[in-house]
N, C-alpha and C. Protein backbone atom coordinates (compact mmCIF):
# COMPACT_ATOMS: atom_id res chain seq x y z
N GLN A 1 -13.05 13.29 -14.14
CA GLN A 1 -12.63 12.86 -13.55
C GLN A 1 -13.13 13.51 -12.23
N VAL A 2 -13.64 12.88 -11.05
CA VAL A 2 -14.06 13.44 -9.75
C VAL A 2 -13.06 13.27 -8.66
N GLN A 3 -13.56 13.97 -7.89
CA GLN A 3 -12.37 14.00 -6.38
C GLN A 3 -13.80 13.33 -5.63
N LEU A 4 -13.29 12.57 -5.15
CA LEU A 4 -13.73 12.06 -3.65
C LEU A 4 -13.23 12.13 -2.71
N VAL A 5 -14.22 12.45 -1.33
CA VAL A 5 -13.58 12.94 -0.07
C VAL A 5 -13.92 12.04 1.35
N GLU A 6 -13.09 11.12 1.43
CA GLU A 6 -13.97 10.40 3.00
C GLU A 6 -13.60 11.02 4.23
N SER A 7 -14.52 10.27 4.91
CA SER A 7 -14.04 10.81 6.56
C SER A 7 -15.18 10.10 7.60
N GLY A 8 -14.98 10.71 8.38
CA GLY A 8 -16.03 9.62 9.74
C GLY A 8 -15.31 8.33 10.68
N GLY A 9 -13.50 8.27 9.88
CA GLY A 9 -13.35 6.50 10.40
C GLY A 9 -12.93 7.68 12.09
N GLY A 10 -12.40 5.83 12.92
CA GLY A 10 -11.07 7.14 14.05
C GLY A 10 -11.18 5.26 14.90
N LEU A 11 -11.35 5.29 16.22
CA LEU A 11 -11.18 4.43 17.01
C LEU A 11 -11.63 4.38 18.01
N VAL A 12 -12.67 2.43 17.75
CA VAL A 12 -13.41 2.94 18.82
C VAL A 12 -13.52 1.17 19.33
N GLN A 13 -14.21 0.94 20.41
CA GLN A 13 -14.43 -0.85 20.35
C GLN A 13 -15.20 -1.58 20.79
N ALA A 14 -14.94 -2.51 20.35
CA ALA A 14 -15.88 -3.87 19.58
C ALA A 14 -16.47 -3.21 20.27
N GLY A 15 -17.65 -3.73 19.26
CA GLY A 15 -19.28 -3.51 19.70
C GLY A 15 -19.81 -2.42 18.95
N GLU A 16 -18.89 -1.19 19.24
CA GLU A 16 -19.34 0.55 18.64
C GLU A 16 -20.17 0.37 16.95
N SER A 17 -20.27 1.20 17.45
CA SER A 17 -20.50 1.87 15.64
C SER A 17 -19.97 3.18 14.97
N LEU A 18 -19.90 3.19 13.80
CA LEU A 18 -19.52 4.61 12.95
C LEU A 18 -19.90 4.37 11.91
N SER A 19 -19.50 5.99 11.52
CA SER A 19 -20.73 6.04 10.03
C SER A 19 -20.19 7.12 9.05
N LEU A 20 -19.37 5.98 8.12
CA LEU A 20 -18.59 6.78 6.94
C LEU A 20 -19.14 7.56 5.74
N SER A 21 -18.74 8.50 5.09
CA SER A 21 -18.85 9.13 4.43
C SER A 21 -18.59 9.71 3.42
N CYS A 22 -18.73 9.84 2.28
CA CYS A 22 -17.73 9.77 1.17
C CYS A 22 -18.31 10.97 0.23
N VAL A 23 -18.17 12.39 0.15
CA VAL A 23 -18.13 13.54 -0.28
C VAL A 23 -17.55 13.49 -2.40
N ALA A 24 -18.48 13.03 -3.34
CA ALA A 24 -17.64 13.84 -4.53
C ALA A 24 -18.08 14.48 -4.48
N SER A 25 -16.65 14.70 -5.48
CA SER A 25 -16.53 16.68 -6.40
C SER A 25 -18.12 16.94 -7.65
N ARG A 26 -18.44 15.87 -7.56
CA ARG A 26 -20.19 16.39 -8.83
C ARG A 26 -20.86 15.59 -8.57
N SER A 27 -22.05 15.64 -9.58
CA SER A 27 -23.52 15.14 -9.08
C SER A 27 -22.51 13.28 -9.11
N ILE A 28 -23.69 12.60 -8.48
CA ILE A 28 -23.22 11.31 -9.07
C ILE A 28 -24.40 10.32 -9.45
N PHE A 29 -24.73 10.59 -9.51
CA PHE A 29 -26.37 10.28 -10.89
C PHE A 29 -25.10 9.59 -11.78
N SER A 30 -24.10 10.61 -12.33
CA SER A 30 -23.67 9.30 -13.64
C SER A 30 -22.87 8.23 -13.29
N PHE A 31 -22.70 7.93 -12.64
CA PHE A 31 -21.82 7.02 -12.21
C PHE A 31 -22.84 5.76 -11.41
N ALA A 32 -22.08 4.71 -12.83
CA ALA A 32 -22.71 3.11 -12.54
C ALA A 32 -22.86 2.57 -10.91
N ILE A 33 -21.96 2.85 -10.42
CA ILE A 33 -21.78 2.33 -9.32
C ILE A 33 -20.08 2.82 -8.07
N MET A 34 -21.11 3.14 -6.87
CA MET A 34 -20.20 3.23 -5.97
C MET A 34 -19.99 2.40 -5.14
N GLY A 35 -18.99 2.78 -3.96
CA GLY A 35 -18.52 1.55 -3.12
C GLY A 35 -17.33 1.86 -2.39
N TRP A 36 -17.83 0.94 -1.40
CA TRP A 36 -16.30 0.31 -0.51
C TRP A 36 -15.08 -0.16 -0.39
N TYR A 37 -14.26 -0.08 -0.10
CA TYR A 37 -12.85 -0.66 -0.35
C TYR A 37 -12.36 -0.68 1.22
N ARG A 38 -11.87 -1.96 1.76
CA ARG A 38 -10.95 -1.56 2.80
C ARG A 38 -9.35 -2.23 3.03
N GLN A 39 -8.67 -1.76 3.80
CA GLN A 39 -7.75 -2.82 3.31
C GLN A 39 -6.96 -2.94 5.10
N ALA A 40 -6.40 -4.01 5.37
CA ALA A 40 -5.69 -4.19 6.80
C ALA A 40 -4.59 -4.70 5.92
N PRO A 41 -3.99 -4.41 7.35
CA PRO A 41 -1.96 -4.06 7.59
C PRO A 41 -1.65 -5.66 6.81
N GLY A 42 -0.69 -5.44 5.63
CA GLY A 42 -0.50 -6.60 5.68
C GLY A 42 -2.01 -7.73 3.96
N LYS A 43 -2.76 -6.85 4.13
CA LYS A 43 -3.70 -8.02 3.82
C LYS A 43 -3.53 -7.09 2.23
N GLN A 44 -4.49 -7.97 1.20
CA GLN A 44 -5.19 -7.17 -0.04
C GLN A 44 -6.12 -6.32 -0.23
N ARG A 45 -6.17 -5.14 -0.64
CA ARG A 45 -7.72 -4.69 -0.05
C ARG A 45 -9.36 -4.90 -1.10
N GLU A 46 -10.00 -5.37 -0.06
CA GLU A 46 -11.24 -6.00 -0.10
C GLU A 46 -12.24 -5.12 -0.47
N LEU A 47 -12.90 -5.48 -0.95
CA LEU A 47 -14.60 -4.63 -1.67
C LEU A 47 -15.77 -5.41 0.00
N VAL A 48 -15.85 -4.02 0.49
CA VAL A 48 -16.88 -4.33 1.41
C VAL A 48 -18.52 -4.53 1.23
N ALA A 49 -18.89 -3.07 0.36
CA ALA A 49 -20.40 -3.04 -0.06
C ALA A 49 -20.36 -1.79 -0.94
N ASP A 50 -21.24 -2.05 -1.44
CA ASP A 50 -21.43 -1.00 -3.05
C ASP A 50 -22.47 -0.77 -3.79
N ILE A 51 -23.28 0.18 -4.25
CA ILE A 51 -24.25 0.15 -4.32
C ILE A 51 -24.00 0.76 -5.68
N THR A 52 -25.10 0.00 -6.98
CA THR A 52 -25.48 0.51 -8.21
C THR A 52 -25.94 2.34 -8.27
N GLY A 53 -26.76 2.80 -9.49
CA GLY A 53 -27.05 4.08 -9.71
C GLY A 53 -28.84 3.56 -9.48
N GLY A 54 -29.03 2.74 -9.67
CA GLY A 54 -30.00 2.37 -9.45
C GLY A 54 -30.81 2.19 -7.72
N GLY A 55 -30.05 2.02 -7.40
CA GLY A 55 -29.99 1.37 -5.41
C GLY A 55 -29.53 -0.16 -4.91
N SER A 56 -29.31 -0.82 -5.86
CA SER A 56 -29.50 -2.10 -5.53
C SER A 56 -28.24 -2.07 -4.84
N THR A 57 -28.29 -2.77 -3.91
CA THR A 57 -26.55 -2.60 -3.13
C THR A 57 -26.27 -4.25 -2.51
N ASN A 58 -24.56 -4.34 -2.44
CA ASN A 58 -24.31 -5.56 -2.39
C ASN A 58 -22.83 -5.47 -1.24
N TYR A 59 -23.04 -6.62 -0.97
CA TYR A 59 -22.14 -6.69 0.68
C TYR A 59 -21.25 -7.80 0.54
N ALA A 60 -20.12 -7.42 0.87
CA ALA A 60 -19.14 -8.91 1.10
C ALA A 60 -19.63 -9.71 2.46
N ASP A 61 -19.53 -10.75 2.55
CA ASP A 61 -19.72 -12.14 3.50
C ASP A 61 -20.04 -11.78 4.72
N SER A 62 -18.84 -10.84 5.30
CA SER A 62 -18.55 -10.63 6.33
C SER A 62 -19.40 -9.61 7.16
N VAL A 63 -20.08 -8.79 6.54
CA VAL A 63 -20.15 -7.44 6.87
C VAL A 63 -22.19 -7.23 6.27
N LYS A 64 -22.56 -8.66 5.81
CA LYS A 64 -23.59 -8.44 5.91
C LYS A 64 -24.37 -8.36 7.29
N GLY A 65 -25.77 -7.98 7.31
CA GLY A 65 -26.56 -7.55 8.27
C GLY A 65 -25.63 -6.47 9.64
N ARG A 66 -24.59 -6.42 9.34
CA ARG A 66 -23.87 -5.10 9.96
C ARG A 66 -23.54 -4.35 9.39
N PHE A 67 -22.69 -3.81 8.18
CA PHE A 67 -23.32 -2.42 7.49
C PHE A 67 -24.61 -2.09 6.60
N THR A 68 -24.82 -0.94 6.49
CA THR A 68 -25.65 -0.16 5.48
C THR A 68 -24.43 0.49 4.25
N ILE A 69 -24.77 0.73 3.46
CA ILE A 69 -24.27 1.61 2.13
C ILE A 69 -25.35 1.97 1.66
N PHE A 70 -26.07 3.60 1.40
CA PHE A 70 -26.59 3.96 1.09
C PHE A 70 -25.90 5.35 0.69
N LYS A 71 -27.21 5.88 -0.52
CA LYS A 71 -26.56 7.14 -0.32
C LYS A 71 -27.22 8.26 -0.35
N ASP A 72 -27.05 9.79 -0.91
CA ASP A 72 -27.39 10.66 -0.70
C ASP A 72 -27.18 11.14 -2.87
N ASN A 73 -27.69 11.10 -3.36
CA ASN A 73 -27.98 12.16 -4.18
C ASN A 73 -27.64 13.76 -4.40
N SER A 74 -29.01 14.06 -3.67
CA SER A 74 -28.33 15.32 -3.52
C SER A 74 -27.06 16.07 -2.65
N ALA A 75 -26.90 15.91 -1.99
CA ALA A 75 -25.83 16.21 -1.42
C ALA A 75 -24.89 14.69 -1.62
N ASN A 76 -23.87 14.54 -2.93
CA ASN A 76 -23.16 13.55 -4.06
C ASN A 76 -22.38 13.38 -2.98
N THR A 77 -22.84 11.91 -1.99
CA THR A 77 -22.76 11.46 -0.63
C THR A 77 -23.29 10.26 -1.03
N VAL A 78 -21.80 9.16 -0.45
CA VAL A 78 -21.87 7.21 -0.74
C VAL A 78 -21.54 7.60 1.36
N HIS A 79 -22.71 7.19 1.88
CA HIS A 79 -22.49 6.56 3.46
C HIS A 79 -22.17 5.27 3.45
N LEU A 80 -21.76 4.81 4.43
CA LEU A 80 -21.61 3.58 5.09
C LEU A 80 -22.21 3.64 6.88
N LEU A 81 -22.51 2.39 6.17
CA LEU A 81 -22.95 2.31 8.43
C LEU A 81 -22.63 1.23 9.02
N MET A 82 -21.81 1.35 10.10
CA MET A 82 -21.00 0.54 10.01
C MET A 82 -21.40 -0.17 11.83
N ASN A 83 -22.18 -1.09 12.09
CA ASN A 83 -22.54 -0.93 13.63
C ASN A 83 -22.26 -2.65 13.80
N SER A 84 -22.25 -3.12 15.53
CA SER A 84 -21.23 -4.00 15.73
C SER A 84 -20.28 -4.47 15.17
N LEU A 85 -19.52 -3.09 15.32
CA LEU A 85 -17.69 -3.09 14.82
C LEU A 85 -16.95 -4.78 15.50
N GLN A 86 -16.16 -5.13 14.58
CA GLN A 86 -15.21 -6.50 15.17
C GLN A 86 -13.91 -5.76 15.13
N PRO A 87 -12.89 -6.34 15.29
CA PRO A 87 -11.32 -5.94 15.17
C PRO A 87 -11.10 -6.06 13.68
N GLU A 88 -11.21 -7.00 13.85
CA GLU A 88 -11.55 -7.44 12.29
C GLU A 88 -11.62 -6.83 10.71
N ASP A 89 -12.14 -6.11 11.42
CA ASP A 89 -13.04 -4.99 10.43
C ASP A 89 -12.00 -3.80 10.17
N THR A 90 -10.83 -3.73 11.34
CA THR A 90 -9.93 -2.59 11.35
C THR A 90 -9.57 -2.45 9.52
N GLY A 91 -8.67 -1.40 8.71
CA GLY A 91 -8.22 -1.29 7.97
C GLY A 91 -8.80 0.25 7.82
N VAL A 92 -7.74 0.19 6.61
CA VAL A 92 -8.05 1.40 5.43
C VAL A 92 -8.97 1.48 4.88
N TYR A 93 -10.21 2.74 4.91
CA TYR A 93 -11.91 2.54 4.27
C TYR A 93 -11.21 2.90 3.02
N TYR A 94 -11.62 2.83 1.86
CA TYR A 94 -11.38 3.40 0.55
C TYR A 94 -12.83 3.83 -0.61
N CYS A 95 -13.23 4.56 -0.44
CA CYS A 95 -14.52 5.03 -1.37
C CYS A 95 -14.10 5.20 -2.88
N PHE A 96 -14.90 4.05 -3.55
CA PHE A 96 -15.14 4.51 -5.13
C PHE A 96 -16.27 4.65 -6.41
N ALA A 97 -16.32 5.31 -6.70
CA ALA A 97 -16.96 5.88 -8.59
C ALA A 97 -16.49 5.34 -9.60
N ASP A 98 -17.73 4.02 -10.44
CA ASP A 98 -16.84 3.56 -11.62
C ASP A 98 -18.42 4.67 -12.19
N THR A 99 -17.44 4.45 -13.82
CA THR A 99 -18.49 5.26 -14.71
C THR A 99 -18.92 4.11 -15.48
N SER A 100 -19.87 4.41 -16.69
CA SER A 100 -20.47 3.11 -16.94
C SER A 100 -19.42 2.64 -17.97
N ALA A 101 -18.19 3.41 -17.98
CA ALA A 101 -17.10 3.79 -19.44
C ALA A 101 -16.02 2.18 -18.03
N GLY A 102 -16.56 2.22 -17.24
CA GLY A 102 -16.18 1.49 -16.50
C GLY A 102 -14.26 2.25 -16.48
N PHE A 103 -14.49 3.53 -15.61
CA PHE A 103 -13.21 3.96 -15.25
C PHE A 103 -13.21 4.48 -13.92
N ARG A 104 -12.41 3.90 -12.71
CA ARG A 104 -12.79 4.25 -11.50
C ARG A 104 -11.66 5.28 -10.81
N SER A 105 -12.52 6.30 -10.15
CA SER A 105 -11.80 7.10 -9.14
C SER A 105 -11.77 6.47 -7.57
N TRP A 106 -10.45 6.78 -6.99
CA TRP A 106 -10.78 6.64 -5.76
C TRP A 106 -10.83 7.72 -4.44
N GLY A 107 -10.76 7.45 -3.18
CA GLY A 107 -10.65 8.32 -2.72
C GLY A 107 -9.69 8.23 -1.67
N GLN A 108 -9.49 9.15 -0.41
CA GLN A 108 -8.14 8.60 -0.36
C GLN A 108 -7.47 8.01 0.74
N GLY A 109 -8.83 7.43 1.15
CA GLY A 109 -9.16 6.35 2.45
C GLY A 109 -9.35 7.27 3.95
N THR A 110 -9.49 6.72 4.38
CA THR A 110 -10.24 6.90 5.62
C THR A 110 -9.93 5.69 7.03
N GLN A 111 -9.10 5.97 7.86
CA GLN A 111 -8.76 4.23 8.70
C GLN A 111 -9.48 4.77 9.97
N VAL A 112 -9.96 3.46 10.03
CA VAL A 112 -11.21 2.86 11.56
C VAL A 112 -10.16 2.03 11.75
N THR A 113 -10.09 1.45 13.44
CA THR A 113 -9.44 0.97 14.34
C THR A 113 -10.10 0.63 14.73
N VAL A 114 -10.80 -0.57 14.80
CA VAL A 114 -11.70 -1.33 16.43
C VAL A 114 -10.23 -1.88 17.28
N SER A 115 -10.87 -1.59 18.42
CA SER A 115 -9.90 -2.13 19.33
C SER A 115 -10.15 -2.79 20.33
N SER A 116 -10.44 -3.94 20.84
CA SER A 116 -11.30 -5.53 21.70
C SER A 116 -11.66 -5.05 22.87
């Protein structure tokens, strides 16, 4: 079991940037994949971006070219840099981590609100 703690959310205006961090309670070397989902009010949770243990990345079409996911293994942290934020990016952002056996852990979420 691992605890994931997100930080970095907040209220920004359209066009501005935010950087989210997800700190794991233990080494992230063993995780097959880590990443971020988001959930807007009244909508299903959707994948935003993920990164494999080998560093390969994947992005939702809606954030390609604006968001960047990267990890710092030495700090047990996965980051999500979000540029050119839009109101439709508003939601609760959740960090997740998958073991190679397919067990998933979730963080508690951090709120991102983008005003127009």
